[in-house]
Every structure is written in structure tokens, then in C-alpha cells.
Amino acid sequence: MNVKTYNNQGGLSHLPQTLREFGERQNKLNAELRRENESLTHQLETLAGHLGDALDRIKALESQLERITALESEQETNIKRFHRCAVDLDKIEQEVGRLKLTAKLNTNAIDRLSKQSSPDENGDT
């Protein structure tokens, strides 16, 4: 943008003409500056709106981040609980296996004892 608004033409006879041309160029420059100012003001308003939207999204994301952090903490607690449950379940499975083995051994012992006592009961000794 050319901001020079005055060109010296020399002489007093040209003074009214020079002043008129100066005024016209100045008016034209003022109009251009006003349009540019309005454009910049509009851009500023648009950017302010975008900034407001961005701040709203940031607040929403911060809220979601807090929720995610709480869920992650809860997940860690649940993992610890599940680990304890898994350890207890392993112990129970071992105990059930031991009880099954004991029951089988007892059943086998009872069967042997009953076979040994069967001939005595029948008098076949």
C-alpha cells in the first residue's frame, strides 16, 4: 500500500489543484485503511470465536482426562483385586485337588478293606 499522499507540484497557481488532489488521495487512503481496519476487526472477532470454542473443547478434554485418570486408578485397584482372587482361586484349586486325591485314596483304602473283610463275613477264610 502506498501511503504517500502528497506530491509537490510547485508554484502558487497549482496550490488549489494540489490541495484537491491531496485531499482526494487522502480520502482514498483513509477509505482503504478503514476497509482494512474493518477486515482486521472481523478477523479478530472470528479468531476470538474460534478461541472460545477451543477453550470449551479444552475444558471438555480436561474433564474427560480427569474421568480417564479416575478409571485408570479404579482399573489398577481392580487388577490388584483380581490378582488376589486369582491367588485365592489357585489355593482353592490346589485344596480341591488334594481333597479329590484324599477321597480317591480313602475310597481305594475302603475298597481294599471291604475286599479283605468280605471273605470273613462270608466265612470263606
Protein backbone atom coordinates (compact mmCIF):
# COMPACT_ATOMS: atom_id res chain seq x y z
CA MET A 1 0.00 0.00 0.00
CA ASN A 2 1.40 3.36 -0.98
CA VAL A 3 0.92 5.79 1.89
CA LYS A 4 2.46 8.80 0.20
CA THR A 5 -0.38 11.25 -0.29
CA TYR A 6 1.42 14.43 -1.22
CA ASN A 7 3.43 15.23 -4.35
CA ASN A 8 4.95 18.67 -4.52
CA GLN A 9 3.88 20.28 -7.83
CA GLY A 10 5.43 23.66 -7.16
CA GLY A 11 4.03 27.19 -7.63
CA LEU A 12 1.11 29.00 -6.04
CA SER A 13 -1.12 28.69 -9.09
CA HIS A 14 -1.22 25.00 -8.68
CA LEU A 15 -1.99 25.16 -4.94
CA PRO A 16 -5.80 24.64 -5.19
CA GLN A 17 -5.30 21.79 -7.64
CA THR A 18 -2.60 20.29 -5.41
CA LEU A 19 -4.76 20.57 -2.29
CA ARG A 20 -7.71 18.96 -4.08
CA GLU A 21 -5.54 16.09 -5.33
CA PHE A 22 -4.02 15.75 -1.88
CA GLY A 23 -7.50 15.59 -0.33
CA GLU A 24 -8.69 13.00 -2.86
CA ARG A 25 -5.64 10.80 -2.31
CA GLN A 26 -6.02 11.24 1.44
CA ASN A 27 -9.72 10.29 1.26
CA LYS A 28 -8.85 7.25 -0.87
CA LEU A 29 -6.12 6.22 1.60
CA ASN A 30 -8.50 6.74 4.53
CA ALA A 31 -11.13 4.57 2.83
CA GLU A 32 -8.57 1.81 2.22
CA LEU A 33 -7.38 2.00 5.81
CA ARG A 34 -10.99 1.88 7.07
CA ARG A 35 -11.70 -1.22 4.93
CA GLU A 36 -8.52 -2.88 6.16
CA ASN A 37 -9.38 -1.97 9.75
CA GLU A 38 -12.88 -3.44 9.33
CA SER A 39 -11.40 -6.58 7.79
CA LEU A 40 -8.94 -6.96 10.65
CA THR A 41 -11.70 -6.32 13.19
CA HIS A 42 -13.80 -9.04 11.54
CA GLN A 43 -10.83 -11.42 11.57
CA LEU A 44 -10.24 -10.62 15.23
CA GLU A 45 -13.88 -11.37 16.09
CA THR A 46 -13.70 -14.64 14.13
CA LEU A 47 -10.48 -15.65 15.88
CA ALA A 48 -11.97 -14.73 19.26
CA GLY A 49 -14.89 -17.05 18.48
CA HIS A 50 -12.51 -19.83 17.50
CA LEU A 51 -10.52 -19.25 20.67
CA GLY A 52 -13.69 -19.52 22.74
CA ASP A 53 -14.58 -22.79 21.00
CA ALA A 54 -11.05 -24.10 21.55
CA LEU A 55 -11.20 -23.20 25.25
CA ASP A 56 -14.53 -25.01 25.56
CA ARG A 57 -13.02 -28.10 23.91
CA ILE A 58 -10.02 -27.90 26.24
CA LYS A 59 -12.35 -27.81 29.26
CA ALA A 60 -14.22 -30.84 27.90
CA LEU A 61 -10.95 -32.68 27.29
CA GLU A 62 -9.72 -31.84 30.79
CA SER A 63 -12.96 -33.22 32.20
CA GLN A 64 -12.55 -36.39 30.14
CA LEU A 65 -8.92 -36.65 31.22
CA GLU A 66 -9.98 -36.48 34.87
CA ARG A 67 -12.55 -39.21 34.22
CA ILE A 68 -9.98 -41.36 32.43
CA THR A 69 -7.49 -40.88 35.26
CA ALA A 70 -10.13 -41.99 37.77
CA LEU A 71 -10.99 -45.00 35.61
CA GLU A 72 -7.33 -45.95 35.27
CA SER A 73 -6.92 -45.76 39.05
CA GLU A 74 -10.00 -47.90 39.52
CA GLN A 75 -8.67 -50.33 36.92
CA GLU A 76 -5.39 -50.66 38.82
CA THR A 77 -7.34 -51.38 42.01
CA ASN A 78 -9.43 -54.00 40.17
CA ILE A 79 -6.30 -55.63 38.76
CA LYS A 80 -4.89 -55.93 42.29
CA ARG A 81 -8.20 -57.39 43.49
CA PHE A 82 -8.34 -59.85 40.59
CA HIS A 83 -4.76 -60.87 41.32
CA ARG A 84 -5.66 -61.59 44.95
CA CYS A 85 -8.73 -63.53 43.78
CA ALA A 86 -6.60 -65.50 41.31
CA VAL A 87 -4.13 -66.39 44.08
CA ASP A 88 -7.01 -67.49 46.31
CA LEU A 89 -8.55 -69.44 43.43
CA ASP A 90 -5.23 -71.21 42.82
CA LYS A 91 -5.11 -72.15 46.50
CA ILE A 92 -8.69 -73.41 46.37
CA GLU A 93 -7.96 -75.45 43.23
CA GLN A 94 -4.93 -76.99 44.95
CA GLU A 95 -7.03 -77.78 48.01
CA VAL A 96 -9.81 -79.29 45.86
CA GLY A 97 -7.20 -81.39 44.04
CA ARG A 98 -5.79 -82.54 47.38
CA LEU A 99 -9.29 -83.37 48.63
CA LYS A 100 -10.05 -85.33 45.44
CA LEU A 101 -6.83 -87.27 45.84
CA THR A 102 -7.57 -87.89 49.51
CA ALA A 103 -11.09 -89.00 48.67
CA LYS A 104 -9.78 -91.34 45.96
CA LEU A 105 -7.16 -92.78 48.26
CA ASN A 106 -9.76 -93.22 51.01
CA THR A 107 -12.12 -94.86 48.54
CA ASN A 108 -9.36 -97.22 47.41
CA ALA A 109 -8.49 -97.98 51.03
CA ILE A 110 -12.14 -98.62 51.84
CA ASP A 111 -12.44 -100.88 48.79
CA ARG A 112 -9.34 -102.84 49.87
CA LEU A 113 -10.64 -103.09 53.41
CA SER A 114 -14.05 -104.18 52.23
CA LYS A 115 -12.47 -106.84 49.97
CA GLN A 116 -10.41 -108.10 52.86
CA SER A 117 -13.41 -108.20 55.17
CA SER A 118 -15.68 -109.77 52.57
CA PRO A 119 -14.24 -113.29 52.93
CA ASP A 120 -14.53 -113.06 56.72
CA GLU A 121 -18.15 -112.10 56.51
CA ASN A 122 -18.93 -114.96 54.15
CA GLY A 123 -16.95 -117.40 56.26
CA ASP A 124 -14.53 -118.21 53.43
CA THR A 125 -11.40 -117.64 55.46
